[in-house]
């Protein structure tokens, strides 16, 4: 059975799109984790402060 080569470009584009979407998801999660860490640090600072 002969392989069809007319879809090889489409497959490459699909792989690039999936890679870009996964990279965007990883970036978004990294931003969320960074924001959560900053929020936790502010909360810890507020809790440990000594108010008169």
N, C-alpha and C. Protein backbone atom coordinates (compact mmCIF):
# COMPACT_ATOMS: atom_id res chain seq x y z
N UNK A 1 0.85 -1.18 0.00
CA UNK A 1 0.00 0.00 0.00
C UNK A 1 0.89 1.24 0.00
N UNK A 2 0.67 2.11 -0.93
CA UNK A 2 1.47 3.31 -1.05
C UNK A 2 1.05 4.33 -0.01
N UNK A 3 2.03 5.02 0.55
CA UNK A 3 1.73 6.05 1.56
C UNK A 3 1.37 7.35 0.87
N UNK A 4 0.41 8.04 1.44
CA UNK A 4 0.02 9.33 0.89
C UNK A 4 0.89 10.41 1.53
N UNK A 5 1.49 11.23 0.72
CA UNK A 5 2.38 12.28 1.22
C UNK A 5 1.73 13.65 1.20
N UNK A 6 0.49 13.74 0.76
CA UNK A 6 -0.15 15.06 0.67
C UNK A 6 -0.58 15.60 2.02
N UNK A 7 -0.53 14.80 3.07
CA UNK A 7 -0.94 15.26 4.39
C UNK A 7 0.25 15.44 5.34
N UNK A 8 1.44 15.25 4.86
CA UNK A 8 2.61 15.36 5.74
C UNK A 8 2.77 16.80 6.24
N UNK A 9 2.45 17.78 5.44
CA UNK A 9 2.52 19.17 5.87
C UNK A 9 1.47 19.48 6.92
N UNK A 10 0.29 18.92 6.77
CA UNK A 10 -0.78 19.13 7.73
C UNK A 10 -0.41 18.52 9.08
N UNK A 11 0.21 17.36 9.06
CA UNK A 11 0.63 16.70 10.30
C UNK A 11 1.67 17.55 11.03
N UNK A 12 2.61 18.09 10.29
CA UNK A 12 3.64 18.94 10.90
C UNK A 12 3.02 20.17 11.54
N UNK A 13 2.06 20.78 10.86
CA UNK A 13 1.39 21.96 11.40
C UNK A 13 0.62 21.59 12.66
N UNK A 14 -0.02 20.44 12.67
CA UNK A 14 -0.76 20.01 13.85
C UNK A 14 0.17 19.77 15.03
N UNK A 15 1.33 19.16 14.78
CA UNK A 15 2.30 18.97 15.85
C UNK A 15 2.80 20.30 16.40
N UNK A 16 3.02 21.27 15.55
CA UNK A 16 3.49 22.58 15.99
C UNK A 16 2.40 23.27 16.82
N UNK A 17 1.14 23.15 16.39
CA UNK A 17 0.04 23.77 17.14
C UNK A 17 -0.09 23.12 18.51
N UNK A 18 -0.01 21.80 18.59
CA UNK A 18 -0.11 21.11 19.87
C UNK A 18 1.05 21.50 20.77
N UNK A 19 2.25 21.60 20.23
CA UNK A 19 3.41 22.01 21.01
C UNK A 19 3.21 23.43 21.55
N UNK A 20 2.71 24.33 20.72
CA UNK A 20 2.49 25.71 21.16
C UNK A 20 1.42 25.79 22.25
N UNK A 21 0.36 25.00 22.13
CA UNK A 21 -0.70 25.00 23.14
C UNK A 21 -0.16 24.44 24.46
N UNK A 22 0.61 23.36 24.41
CA UNK A 22 1.18 22.80 25.63
C UNK A 22 2.15 23.78 26.28
N UNK A 23 2.92 24.48 25.48
CA UNK A 23 3.84 25.49 26.01
C UNK A 23 3.06 26.62 26.68
N UNK A 24 1.95 27.03 26.10
CA UNK A 24 1.12 28.08 26.69
C UNK A 24 0.52 27.61 28.01
N UNK A 25 0.10 26.35 28.08
CA UNK A 25 -0.46 25.81 29.33
C UNK A 25 0.60 25.78 30.41
N UNK A 26 1.80 25.35 30.08
CA UNK A 26 2.89 25.32 31.06
C UNK A 26 3.21 26.73 31.53
N UNK A 27 3.22 27.69 30.64
CA UNK A 27 3.49 29.08 31.01
C UNK A 27 2.40 29.63 31.93
N UNK A 28 1.15 29.32 31.62
CA UNK A 28 0.05 29.79 32.45
C UNK A 28 0.11 29.17 33.85
N UNK A 29 0.43 27.89 33.93
CA UNK A 29 0.55 27.24 35.23
C UNK A 29 1.71 27.81 36.03
N UNK A 30 2.80 28.13 35.34
CA UNK A 30 3.96 28.71 36.02
C UNK A 30 3.61 30.08 36.58
N UNK A 31 2.85 30.87 35.83
CA UNK A 31 2.41 32.18 36.32
C UNK A 31 1.48 32.02 37.53
N UNK A 32 0.59 31.04 37.49
CA UNK A 32 -0.30 30.79 38.60
C UNK A 32 0.47 30.38 39.85
N UNK A 33 1.44 29.50 39.69
CA UNK A 33 2.24 29.06 40.84
C UNK A 33 3.03 30.23 41.42
N UNK A 34 3.58 31.07 40.56
CA UNK A 34 4.33 32.24 41.03
C UNK A 34 3.42 33.18 41.82
N UNK A 35 2.22 33.42 41.31
CA UNK A 35 1.26 34.29 42.01
C UNK A 35 0.85 33.68 43.34
N UNK A 36 0.66 32.38 43.38
CA UNK A 36 0.27 31.72 44.63
C UNK A 36 1.39 31.81 45.66
N UNK A 37 2.63 31.68 45.22
CA UNK A 37 3.76 31.79 46.14
C UNK A 37 3.86 33.21 46.71
N UNK A 38 3.67 34.21 45.86
CA UNK A 38 3.72 35.59 46.34
C UNK A 38 2.59 35.86 47.32
N UNK A 39 1.41 35.33 47.03
CA UNK A 39 0.28 35.52 47.93
C UNK A 39 0.54 34.83 49.26
N UNK A 40 1.10 33.65 49.23
CA UNK A 40 1.41 32.93 50.46
C UNK A 40 2.45 33.69 51.28
N UNK A 41 3.42 34.29 50.60
CA UNK A 41 4.44 35.06 51.32
C UNK A 41 3.83 36.28 51.99
N UNK A 42 2.91 36.97 51.29
CA UNK A 42 2.25 38.13 51.89
C UNK A 42 1.39 37.71 53.08
N UNK A 43 0.68 36.60 52.94
CA UNK A 43 -0.16 36.11 54.03
C UNK A 43 0.69 35.75 55.24
N UNK A 44 1.80 35.08 55.01
CA UNK A 44 2.70 34.71 56.11
C UNK A 44 3.24 35.96 56.80
N UNK A 45 3.57 36.96 56.03
CA UNK A 45 4.07 38.20 56.62
C UNK A 45 3.00 38.87 57.48
N UNK A 46 1.77 38.90 56.99
CA UNK A 46 0.70 39.51 57.77
C UNK A 46 0.40 38.73 59.06
N UNK A 47 0.45 37.42 58.98
CA UNK A 47 0.16 36.60 60.15
C UNK A 47 1.24 36.73 61.20
N UNK A 48 2.49 36.84 60.78
CA UNK A 48 3.59 36.89 61.74
C UNK A 48 3.90 38.28 62.25
N UNK A 49 3.23 39.30 61.70
CA UNK A 49 3.46 40.67 62.18
C UNK A 49 2.92 40.81 63.60
N UNK A 50 3.60 41.62 64.37
CA UNK A 50 3.14 41.88 65.73
C UNK A 50 2.49 43.25 65.76
N UNK A 51 1.17 43.24 65.94
CA UNK A 51 0.45 44.48 66.07
C UNK A 51 0.35 44.86 67.54
N UNK A 52 0.44 46.15 67.86
CA UNK A 52 0.37 46.57 69.27
C UNK A 52 -0.99 46.34 69.88
